[in-house]
Protein backbone atom coordinates (compact mmCIF):
# COMPACT_ATOMS: atom_id res chain seq x y z
CA UNK A 1 3.83 -16.54 -23.48
CA UNK A 2 2.83 -14.78 -20.28
CA UNK A 3 -0.13 -15.93 -18.30
CA UNK A 4 -3.28 -13.80 -18.16
CA UNK A 5 -3.19 -12.02 -14.77
CA UNK A 6 -6.93 -12.46 -14.17
CA UNK A 7 -6.57 -16.24 -14.47
CA UNK A 8 -3.49 -16.20 -12.25
CA UNK A 9 -5.28 -14.12 -9.58
CA UNK A 10 -8.42 -16.27 -9.68
CA UNK A 11 -6.32 -19.40 -9.26
CA UNK A 12 -4.79 -17.82 -6.16
CA UNK A 13 -8.28 -16.94 -4.89
CA UNK A 14 -9.32 -20.55 -5.49
CA UNK A 15 -6.36 -21.77 -3.43
CA UNK A 16 -7.22 -19.27 -0.66
CA UNK A 17 -10.80 -20.63 -0.68
CA UNK A 18 -9.47 -24.06 0.30
CA UNK A 19 -8.78 -22.60 3.78
CA UNK A 20 -12.49 -21.87 4.30
CA UNK A 21 -14.12 -23.47 7.32
CA UNK A 22 -17.78 -23.09 6.32
CA UNK A 23 -19.32 -26.41 5.22
CA UNK A 24 -21.87 -24.62 2.99
CA UNK A 25 -19.40 -22.96 0.66
CA UNK A 26 -15.69 -22.24 0.40
CA UNK A 27 -14.98 -18.80 -1.05
CA UNK A 28 -11.66 -17.07 -1.62
CA UNK A 29 -10.86 -13.44 -2.29
CA UNK A 30 -7.72 -11.46 -3.03
CA UNK A 31 -7.25 -7.72 -3.39
CA UNK A 32 -4.61 -6.19 -5.67
CA UNK A 33 -3.35 -2.67 -6.29
CA UNK A 34 -2.77 -0.89 -9.61
CA UNK A 35 0.62 -2.61 -9.92
CA UNK A 36 -1.05 -6.03 -9.56
CA UNK A 37 0.57 -6.50 -6.16
CA UNK A 38 -1.48 -8.64 -3.79
CA UNK A 39 -2.60 -6.51 -0.85
CA UNK A 40 -4.61 -9.10 1.09
CA UNK A 41 -6.40 -12.43 0.98
CA UNK A 42 -9.52 -13.71 2.68
CA UNK A 43 -11.62 -16.84 2.97
CA UNK A 44 -14.94 -17.52 4.64
CA UNK A 45 -14.87 -18.78 8.18
CA UNK A 46 -15.97 -18.01 11.71
CA UNK A 47 -14.55 -15.15 13.77
CA UNK A 48 -11.21 -15.73 15.52
CA UNK A 49 -11.58 -17.84 18.65
CA UNK A 50 -14.96 -19.28 17.65
CA UNK A 51 -15.20 -23.05 16.94
CA UNK A 52 -14.97 -23.82 13.23
CA UNK A 53 -18.24 -24.95 11.66
CA UNK A 54 -16.55 -27.96 10.08
CA UNK A 55 -15.96 -29.16 13.67
CA UNK A 56 -18.94 -27.64 15.55
CA UNK A 57 -21.69 -26.66 13.07
CA UNK A 58 -23.30 -23.25 13.59
CA UNK A 59 -27.05 -22.60 13.30
CA UNK A 60 -26.84 -21.92 9.57
CA UNK A 61 -24.79 -24.95 8.55
CA UNK A 62 -27.74 -26.85 7.05
CA UNK A 63 -29.17 -23.89 5.11
CA UNK A 64 -28.74 -23.64 1.35
CA UNK A 65 -26.14 -21.20 0.09
CA UNK A 66 -27.52 -17.66 0.13
CA UNK A 67 -30.18 -18.46 2.76
CA UNK A 68 -30.14 -18.28 6.56
CA UNK A 69 -27.23 -15.85 6.59
CA UNK A 70 -28.34 -14.43 9.94
CA UNK A 71 -27.81 -17.88 11.52
CA UNK A 72 -24.43 -18.42 9.84
CA UNK A 73 -21.33 -17.52 11.88
CA UNK A 74 -18.99 -17.24 8.89
CA UNK A 75 -17.36 -13.97 7.97
CA UNK A 76 -17.31 -13.72 4.18
CA UNK A 77 -14.07 -13.99 2.22
CA UNK A 78 -14.44 -10.44 0.92
CA UNK A 79 -14.97 -9.09 4.43
CA UNK A 80 -11.88 -10.91 5.68
CA UNK A 81 -9.79 -9.65 2.75
CA UNK A 82 -10.88 -6.06 3.45
CA UNK A 83 -10.07 -6.47 7.16
CA UNK A 84 -6.59 -7.74 6.27
CA UNK A 85 -5.86 -4.94 3.80
CA UNK A 86 -3.59 -2.21 5.20
CA UNK A 87 -5.12 0.53 3.01
CA UNK A 88 -8.42 -0.24 1.23
CA UNK A 89 -8.13 2.95 -0.81
CA UNK A 90 -5.25 1.28 -2.69
CA UNK A 91 -7.40 -1.63 -3.91
CA UNK A 92 -7.71 -1.55 -7.69
CA UNK A 93 -9.21 -4.99 -8.35
CA UNK A 94 -10.86 -7.66 -6.23
CA UNK A 95 -10.74 -11.28 -7.36
CA UNK A 96 -13.34 -13.66 -5.87
CA UNK A 97 -14.24 -17.25 -6.51
CA UNK A 98 -17.91 -16.21 -6.13
CA UNK A 99 -19.72 -12.97 -6.98
CA UNK A 100 -19.92 -10.87 -3.78
CA UNK A 101 -23.23 -10.71 -1.92
CA UNK A 102 -25.00 -7.38 -1.38
CA UNK A 103 -23.47 -6.97 2.10
CA UNK A 104 -19.91 -7.43 0.83
CA UNK A 105 -20.67 -5.26 -2.21
CA UNK A 106 -21.63 -2.35 0.04
CA UNK A 107 -18.28 -2.65 1.81
CA UNK A 108 -16.38 -2.94 -1.47
CA UNK A 109 -18.05 0.22 -2.77
CA UNK A 110 -16.42 2.11 0.12
CA UNK A 111 -12.89 1.22 -1.04
CA UNK A 112 -10.81 2.28 -4.03
CA UNK A 113 -11.96 -0.76 -6.02
CA UNK A 114 -12.50 -0.15 -9.72
CA UNK A 115 -13.12 -3.73 -10.82
CA UNK A 116 -14.43 -7.00 -9.39
CA UNK A 117 -13.54 -10.24 -11.17
CA UNK A 118 -15.34 -13.42 -10.13
CA UNK A 119 -15.86 -17.00 -11.29
CA UNK A 120 -19.25 -18.19 -10.01
CA UNK A 121 -22.52 -16.22 -9.86
CA UNK A 122 -24.29 -15.81 -6.52
CA UNK A 123 -28.01 -15.65 -5.79
CA UNK A 124 -29.01 -12.13 -4.81
CA UNK A 125 -25.80 -10.59 -6.07
CA UNK A 126 -25.17 -6.89 -6.23
CA UNK A 127 -24.35 -6.35 -9.90
CA UNK A 128 -26.61 -3.29 -10.13
CA UNK A 129 -24.96 -1.69 -7.10
CA UNK A 130 -21.46 -2.17 -8.51
CA UNK A 131 -22.43 -0.85 -11.90
CA UNK A 132 -24.25 2.18 -10.47
CA UNK A 133 -21.10 3.34 -8.65
CA UNK A 134 -18.79 2.66 -11.60
CA UNK A 135 -17.19 -0.59 -10.47
CA UNK A 136 -16.71 -2.90 -13.46
CA UNK A 137 -17.71 -6.56 -13.17
CA UNK A 138 -16.08 -9.40 -15.06
CA UNK A 139 -17.07 -13.04 -14.78
CA UNK A 140 -14.25 -15.37 -15.82
CA UNK A 141 -14.10 -19.10 -16.34
CA UNK A 142 -10.57 -20.19 -15.54
CA UNK A 143 -11.13 -23.81 -16.53
CA UNK A 144 -12.46 -23.66 -20.09
CA UNK A 145 -13.64 -26.98 -21.51
């Protein structure tokens, strides 16, 4: 029996999230093309050259997830995955451990993405934006009880 690709991809995104350096939340993201080839990965963490928040906390480290984003130095996993992707027009599906925020959703809408698959919901998510531009959303639980 072959493994469901969505589960496989989300497990990879979960592993990528383990590289995150934000103490508030570890998020992972992978982008794939129409052939299910991984184009890029991303996790949340500070910009290159900046001290990691797990070592030197930034101004937003004590805020609850989804709040104080203007004080947080982390670049989101989705943003990092898009920056690492050679050609964002080739992205067919994005797999995230957490539903993208509105800022990441706006960036995703400017790619070739047709579908976003995520595990955990996120406060203030952009479901309406995705749906209004024809990007399908699928929430998946990869660890059914």
